[in-house]
Amino acid sequence: MAKTTAKNQKNFEESLWESANKLRGSVEPSEYRHVVLSLIFLKFVSDTFEARRKEIIAEYGE
């Protein structure tokens, strides 16, 4: 199981770096932080929504 987790982590890191390299080509360095912060915020909102959705389904059913 630890090997699978390490492999998933490596795949995630590779995907993250690949995405960052793609963004660097099309976004000015001074604007890069806005793009990254927006993506982090969207991930936070998505995770929060999904957690709350699971709570509601557990409480009331689908």
PDB file of N, CA and C in Angstrom:
ATOM      1  N   MET A   1       0.820  -1.192   0.000  1.00  0.00           N
ATOM      2  CA  MET A   1       0.000   0.000   0.000  1.00  0.00           C
ATOM      3  C   MET A   1       0.864   1.256   0.000  1.00  0.00           C
ATOM      4  N   ALA A   2       1.971   1.229   0.716  1.00  0.00           N
ATOM      5  CA  ALA A   2       2.860   2.387   0.766  1.00  0.00           C
ATOM      6  C   ALA A   2       3.448   2.673  -0.606  1.00  0.00           C
ATOM      7  N   LYS A   3       3.735   1.612  -1.373  1.00  0.00           N
ATOM      8  CA  LYS A   3       4.279   1.812  -2.714  1.00  0.00           C
ATOM      9  C   LYS A   3       3.261   2.486  -3.615  1.00  0.00           C
ATOM     10  N   THR A   4       1.996   2.092  -3.495  1.00  0.00           N
ATOM     11  CA  THR A   4       0.939   2.700  -4.297  1.00  0.00           C
ATOM     12  C   THR A   4       0.789   4.172  -3.953  1.00  0.00           C
ATOM     13  N   THR A   5       0.813   4.499  -2.675  1.00  0.00           N
ATOM     14  CA  THR A   5       0.694   5.889  -2.247  1.00  0.00           C
ATOM     15  C   THR A   5       1.872   6.701  -2.757  1.00  0.00           C
ATOM     16  N   ALA A   6       3.066   6.162  -2.663  1.00  0.00           N
ATOM     17  CA  ALA A   6       4.255   6.858  -3.156  1.00  0.00           C
ATOM     18  C   ALA A   6       4.168   7.052  -4.664  1.00  0.00           C
ATOM     19  N   LYS A   7       3.671   6.046  -5.364  1.00  0.00           N
ATOM     20  CA  LYS A   7       3.532   6.144  -6.820  1.00  0.00           C
ATOM     21  C   LYS A   7       2.499   7.208  -7.180  1.00  0.00           C
ATOM     22  N   ASN A   8       1.364   7.225  -6.479  1.00  0.00           N
ATOM     23  CA  ASN A   8       0.341   8.239  -6.726  1.00  0.00           C
ATOM     24  C   ASN A   8       0.881   9.630  -6.452  1.00  0.00           C
ATOM     25  N   GLN A   9       1.661   9.765  -5.376  1.00  0.00           N
ATOM     26  CA  GLN A   9       2.256  11.054  -5.033  1.00  0.00           C
ATOM     27  C   GLN A   9       3.192  11.507  -6.147  1.00  0.00           C
ATOM     28  N   LYS A  10       4.000  10.596  -6.667  1.00  0.00           N
ATOM     29  CA  LYS A  10       4.932  10.935  -7.737  1.00  0.00           C
ATOM     30  C   LYS A  10       4.166  11.349  -8.989  1.00  0.00           C
ATOM     31  N   ASN A  11       3.105  10.616  -9.339  1.00  0.00           N
ATOM     32  CA  ASN A  11       2.292  10.972 -10.499  1.00  0.00           C
ATOM     33  C   ASN A  11       1.657  12.345 -10.315  1.00  0.00           C
ATOM     34  N   PHE A  12       1.182  12.627  -9.105  1.00  0.00           N
ATOM     35  CA  PHE A  12       0.582  13.926  -8.822  1.00  0.00           C
ATOM     36  C   PHE A  12       1.614  15.035  -8.975  1.00  0.00           C
ATOM     37  N   GLU A  13       2.806  14.825  -8.428  1.00  0.00           N
ATOM     38  CA  GLU A  13       3.861  15.828  -8.530  1.00  0.00           C
ATOM     39  C   GLU A  13       4.245  16.077  -9.986  1.00  0.00           C
ATOM     40  N   GLU A  14       4.356  15.014 -10.766  1.00  0.00           N
ATOM     41  CA  GLU A  14       4.690  15.160 -12.180  1.00  0.00           C
ATOM     42  C   GLU A  14       3.607  15.941 -12.913  1.00  0.00           C
ATOM     43  N   SER A  15       2.355  15.648 -12.634  1.00  0.00           N
ATOM     44  CA  SER A  15       1.246  16.369 -13.263  1.00  0.00           C
ATOM     45  C   SER A  15       1.258  17.839 -12.874  1.00  0.00           C
ATOM     46  N   LEU A  16       1.536  18.097 -11.611  1.00  0.00           N
ATOM     47  CA  LEU A  16       1.579  19.472 -11.129  1.00  0.00           C
ATOM     48  C   LEU A  16       2.691  20.259 -11.809  1.00  0.00           C
ATOM     49  N   TRP A  17       3.876  19.674 -11.900  1.00  0.00           N
ATOM     50  CA  TRP A  17       4.986  20.361 -12.557  1.00  0.00           C
ATOM     51  C   TRP A  17       4.705  20.562 -14.046  1.00  0.00           C
ATOM     52  N   GLU A  18       4.119  19.580 -14.688  1.00  0.00           N
ATOM     53  CA  GLU A  18       3.788  19.699 -16.109  1.00  0.00           C
ATOM     54  C   GLU A  18       2.805  20.849 -16.336  1.00  0.00           C
ATOM     55  N   SER A  19       1.802  20.943 -15.487  1.00  0.00           N
ATOM     56  CA  SER A  19       0.827  22.034 -15.586  1.00  0.00           C
ATOM     57  C   SER A  19       1.493  23.380 -15.353  1.00  0.00           C
ATOM     58  N   ALA A  20       2.367  23.445 -14.357  1.00  0.00           N
ATOM     59  CA  ALA A  20       3.071  24.694 -14.066  1.00  0.00           C
ATOM     60  C   ALA A  20       3.929  25.114 -15.251  1.00  0.00           C
ATOM     61  N   ASN A  21       4.599  24.176 -15.878  1.00  0.00           N
ATOM     62  CA  ASN A  21       5.433  24.501 -17.039  1.00  0.00           C
ATOM     63  C   ASN A  21       4.595  25.011 -18.206  1.00  0.00           C
ATOM     64  N   LYS A  22       3.420  24.438 -18.402  1.00  0.00           N
ATOM     65  CA  LYS A  22       2.533  24.914 -19.467  1.00  0.00           C
ATOM     66  C   LYS A  22       2.068  26.340 -19.189  1.00  0.00           C
ATOM     67  N   LEU A  23       1.721  26.626 -17.941  1.00  0.00           N
ATOM     68  CA  LEU A  23       1.266  27.970 -17.579  1.00  0.00           C
ATOM     69  C   LEU A  23       2.367  29.003 -17.752  1.00  0.00           C
ATOM     70  N   ARG A  24       3.583  28.648 -17.429  1.00  0.00           N
ATOM     71  CA  ARG A  24       4.690  29.593 -17.536  1.00  0.00           C
ATOM     72  C   ARG A  24       4.852  30.109 -18.955  1.00  0.00           C
ATOM     73  N   GLY A  25       4.508  29.293 -19.932  1.00  0.00           N
ATOM     74  CA  GLY A  25       4.660  29.711 -21.318  1.00  0.00           C
ATOM     75  C   GLY A  25       3.633  30.738 -21.752  1.00  0.00           C
ATOM     76  N   SER A  26       2.438  30.740 -21.172  1.00  0.00           N
ATOM     77  CA  SER A  26       1.374  31.609 -21.650  1.00  0.00           C
ATOM     78  C   SER A  26       1.002  32.729 -20.688  1.00  0.00           C
ATOM     79  N   VAL A  27       1.583  32.749 -19.503  1.00  0.00           N
ATOM     80  CA  VAL A  27       1.210  33.744 -18.499  1.00  0.00           C
ATOM     81  C   VAL A  27       2.450  34.528 -18.090  1.00  0.00           C
ATOM     82  N   GLU A  28       2.296  35.842 -17.990  1.00  0.00           N
ATOM     83  CA  GLU A  28       3.391  36.680 -17.514  1.00  0.00           C
ATOM     84  C   GLU A  28       3.725  36.307 -16.071  1.00  0.00           C
ATOM     85  N   PRO A  29       4.997  36.326 -15.714  1.00  0.00           N
ATOM     86  CA  PRO A  29       5.375  35.971 -14.334  1.00  0.00           C
ATOM     87  C   PRO A  29       4.656  36.793 -13.268  1.00  0.00           C
ATOM     88  N   SER A  30       4.398  38.058 -13.547  1.00  0.00           N
ATOM     89  CA  SER A  30       3.716  38.900 -12.560  1.00  0.00           C
ATOM     90  C   SER A  30       2.257  38.493 -12.365  1.00  0.00           C
ATOM     91  N   GLU A  31       1.671  37.827 -13.334  1.00  0.00           N
ATOM     92  CA  GLU A  31       0.277  37.390 -13.260  1.00  0.00           C
ATOM     93  C   GLU A  31       0.143  35.931 -12.823  1.00  0.00           C
ATOM     94  N   TYR A  32       1.239  35.228 -12.775  1.00  0.00           N
ATOM     95  CA  TYR A  32       1.229  33.796 -12.466  1.00  0.00           C
ATOM     96  C   TYR A  32       0.605  33.512 -11.107  1.00  0.00           C
ATOM     97  N   ARG A  33       0.896  34.351 -10.122  1.00  0.00           N
ATOM     98  CA  ARG A  33       0.362  34.113  -8.774  1.00  0.00           C
ATOM     99  C   ARG A  33      -1.159  34.170  -8.752  1.00  0.00           C
ATOM    100  N   HIS A  34      -1.755  35.027  -9.593  1.00  0.00           N
ATOM    101  CA  HIS A  34      -3.215  35.126  -9.630  1.00  0.00           C
ATOM    102  C   HIS A  34      -3.831  33.825 -10.157  1.00  0.00           C
ATOM    103  N   VAL A  35      -3.205  33.266 -11.154  1.00  0.00           N
ATOM    104  CA  VAL A  35      -3.698  32.009 -11.720  1.00  0.00           C
ATOM    105  C   VAL A  35      -3.593  30.892 -10.687  1.00  0.00           C
ATOM    106  N   VAL A  36      -2.448  30.785 -10.054  1.00  0.00           N
ATOM    107  CA  VAL A  36      -2.225  29.715  -9.080  1.00  0.00           C
ATOM    108  C   VAL A  36      -3.150  29.873  -7.878  1.00  0.00           C
ATOM    109  N   LEU A  37      -3.271  31.080  -7.352  1.00  0.00           N
ATOM    110  CA  LEU A  37      -4.154  31.298  -6.205  1.00  0.00           C
ATOM    111  C   LEU A  37      -5.608  30.992  -6.556  1.00  0.00           C
ATOM    112  N   SER A  38      -6.013  31.330  -7.754  1.00  0.00           N
ATOM    113  CA  SER A  38      -7.380  31.021  -8.193  1.00  0.00           C
ATOM    114  C   SER A  38      -7.610  29.514  -8.246  1.00  0.00           C
ATOM    115  N   LEU A  39      -6.640  28.785  -8.762  1.00  0.00           N
ATOM    116  CA  LEU A  39      -6.771  27.329  -8.827  1.00  0.00           C
ATOM    117  C   LEU A  39      -6.808  26.703  -7.438  1.00  0.00           C
ATOM    118  N   ILE A  40      -5.990  27.214  -6.533  1.00  0.00           N
ATOM    119  CA  ILE A  40      -5.999  26.703  -5.156  1.00  0.00           C
ATOM    120  C   ILE A  40      -7.346  26.981  -4.503  1.00  0.00           C
ATOM    121  N   PHE A  41      -7.885  28.177  -4.730  1.00  0.00           N
ATOM    122  CA  PHE A  41      -9.193  28.514  -4.170  1.00  0.00           C
ATOM    123  C   PHE A  41     -10.281  27.600  -4.725  1.00  0.00           C
ATOM    124  N   LEU A  42     -10.266  27.362  -6.029  1.00  0.00           N
ATOM    125  CA  LEU A  42     -11.262  26.472  -6.633  1.00  0.00           C
ATOM    126  C   LEU A  42     -11.163  25.059  -6.062  1.00  0.00           C
ATOM    127  N   LYS A  43      -9.959  24.583  -5.835  1.00  0.00           N
ATOM    128  CA  LYS A  43      -9.775  23.257  -5.234  1.00  0.00           C
ATOM    129  C   LYS A  43     -10.349  23.233  -3.820  1.00  0.00           C
ATOM    130  N   PHE A  44     -10.109  24.280  -3.049  1.00  0.00           N
ATOM    131  CA  PHE A  44     -10.639  24.369  -1.690  1.00  0.00           C
ATOM    132  C   PHE A  44     -12.165  24.347  -1.705  1.00  0.00           C
ATOM    133  N   VAL A  45     -12.766  25.142  -2.574  1.00  0.00           N
ATOM    134  CA  VAL A  45     -14.226  25.203  -2.661  1.00  0.00           C
ATOM    135  C   VAL A  45     -14.783  23.847  -3.094  1.00  0.00           C
ATOM    136  N   SER A  46     -14.138  23.221  -4.049  1.00  0.00           N
ATOM    137  CA  SER A  46     -14.585  21.916  -4.524  1.00  0.00           C
ATOM    138  C   SER A  46     -14.532  20.872  -3.409  1.00  0.00           C
ATOM    139  N   ASP A  47     -13.441  20.836  -2.668  1.00  0.00           N
ATOM    140  CA  ASP A  47     -13.308  19.878  -1.565  1.00  0.00           C
ATOM    141  C   ASP A  47     -14.338  20.144  -0.474  1.00  0.00           C
ATOM    142  N   THR A  48     -14.554  21.413  -0.151  1.00  0.00           N
ATOM    143  CA  THR A  48     -15.525  21.781   0.873  1.00  0.00           C
ATOM    144  C   THR A  48     -16.934  21.385   0.442  1.00  0.00           C
ATOM    145  N   PHE A  49     -17.270  21.660  -0.810  1.00  0.00           N
ATOM    146  CA  PHE A  49     -18.579  21.299  -1.344  1.00  0.00           C
ATOM    147  C   PHE A  49     -18.790  19.790  -1.281  1.00  0.00           C
ATOM    148  N   GLU A  50     -17.789  19.037  -1.707  1.00  0.00           N
ATOM    149  CA  GLU A  50     -17.916  17.579  -1.738  1.00  0.00           C
ATOM    150  C   GLU A  50     -18.086  17.011  -0.328  1.00  0.00           C
ATOM    151  N   ALA A  51     -17.354  17.544   0.630  1.00  0.00           N
ATOM    152  CA  ALA A  51     -17.490  17.079   2.017  1.00  0.00           C
ATOM    153  C   ALA A  51     -18.891  17.376   2.545  1.00  0.00           C
ATOM    154  N   ARG A  52     -19.379  18.570   2.287  1.00  0.00           N
ATOM    155  CA  ARG A  52     -20.721  18.944   2.753  1.00  0.00           C
ATOM    156  C   ARG A  52     -21.790  18.107   2.053  1.00  0.00           C
ATOM    157  N   ARG A  53     -21.600  17.843   0.772  1.00  0.00           N
ATOM    158  CA  ARG A  53     -22.538  17.024   0.002  1.00  0.00           C
ATOM    159  C   ARG A  53     -22.651  15.631   0.620  1.00  0.00           C
ATOM    160  N   LYS A  54     -21.509  15.053   0.983  1.00  0.00           N
ATOM    161  CA  LYS A  54     -21.515  13.726   1.609  1.00  0.00           C
ATOM    162  C   LYS A  54     -22.233  13.756   2.952  1.00  0.00           C
ATOM    163  N   GLU A  55     -22.045  14.821   3.717  1.00  0.00           N
ATOM    164  CA  GLU A  55     -22.740  14.954   5.003  1.00  0.00           C
ATOM    165  C   GLU A  55     -24.255  15.000   4.803  1.00  0.00           C
ATOM    166  N   ILE A  56     -24.696  15.770   3.827  1.00  0.00           N
ATOM    167  CA  ILE A  56     -26.131  15.912   3.565  1.00  0.00           C
ATOM    168  C   ILE A  56     -26.723  14.591   3.089  1.00  0.00           C
ATOM    169  N   ILE A  57     -26.017  13.893   2.212  1.00  0.00           N
ATOM    170  CA  ILE A  57     -26.503  12.597   1.729  1.00  0.00           C
ATOM    171  C   ILE A  57     -26.585  11.601   2.879  1.00  0.00           C
ATOM    172  N   ALA A  58     -25.589  11.618   3.759  1.00  0.00           N
ATOM    173  CA  ALA A  58     -25.608  10.708   4.909  1.00  0.00           C
ATOM    174  C   ALA A  58     -26.771  11.019   5.841  1.00  0.00           C
ATOM    175  N   GLU A  59     -27.092  12.291   5.977  1.00  0.00           N
ATOM    176  CA  GLU A  59     -28.159  12.692   6.895  1.00  0.00           C
ATOM    177  C   GLU A  59     -29.550  12.497   6.297  1.00  0.00           C
ATOM    178  N   TYR A  60     -29.739  12.894   5.050  1.00  0.00           N
ATOM    179  CA  TYR A  60     -31.072  12.887   4.440  1.00  0.00           C
ATOM    180  C   TYR A  60     -31.254  11.850   3.341  1.00  0.00           C
ATOM    181  N   GLY A  61     -30.190  11.251   2.874  1.00  0.00           N
ATOM    182  CA  GLY A  61     -30.266  10.328   1.753  1.00  0.00           C
ATOM    183  C   GLY A  61     -30.277  11.097   0.445  1.00  0.00           C
ATOM    184  N   GLU A  62     -30.243  10.358  -0.633  1.00  0.00           N
ATOM    185  CA  GLU A  62     -30.226  11.021  -1.932  1.00  0.00           C
ATOM    186  C   GLU A  62     -31.626  11.409  -2.266  1.00  0.00           C
TER     187      GLU A  62
END
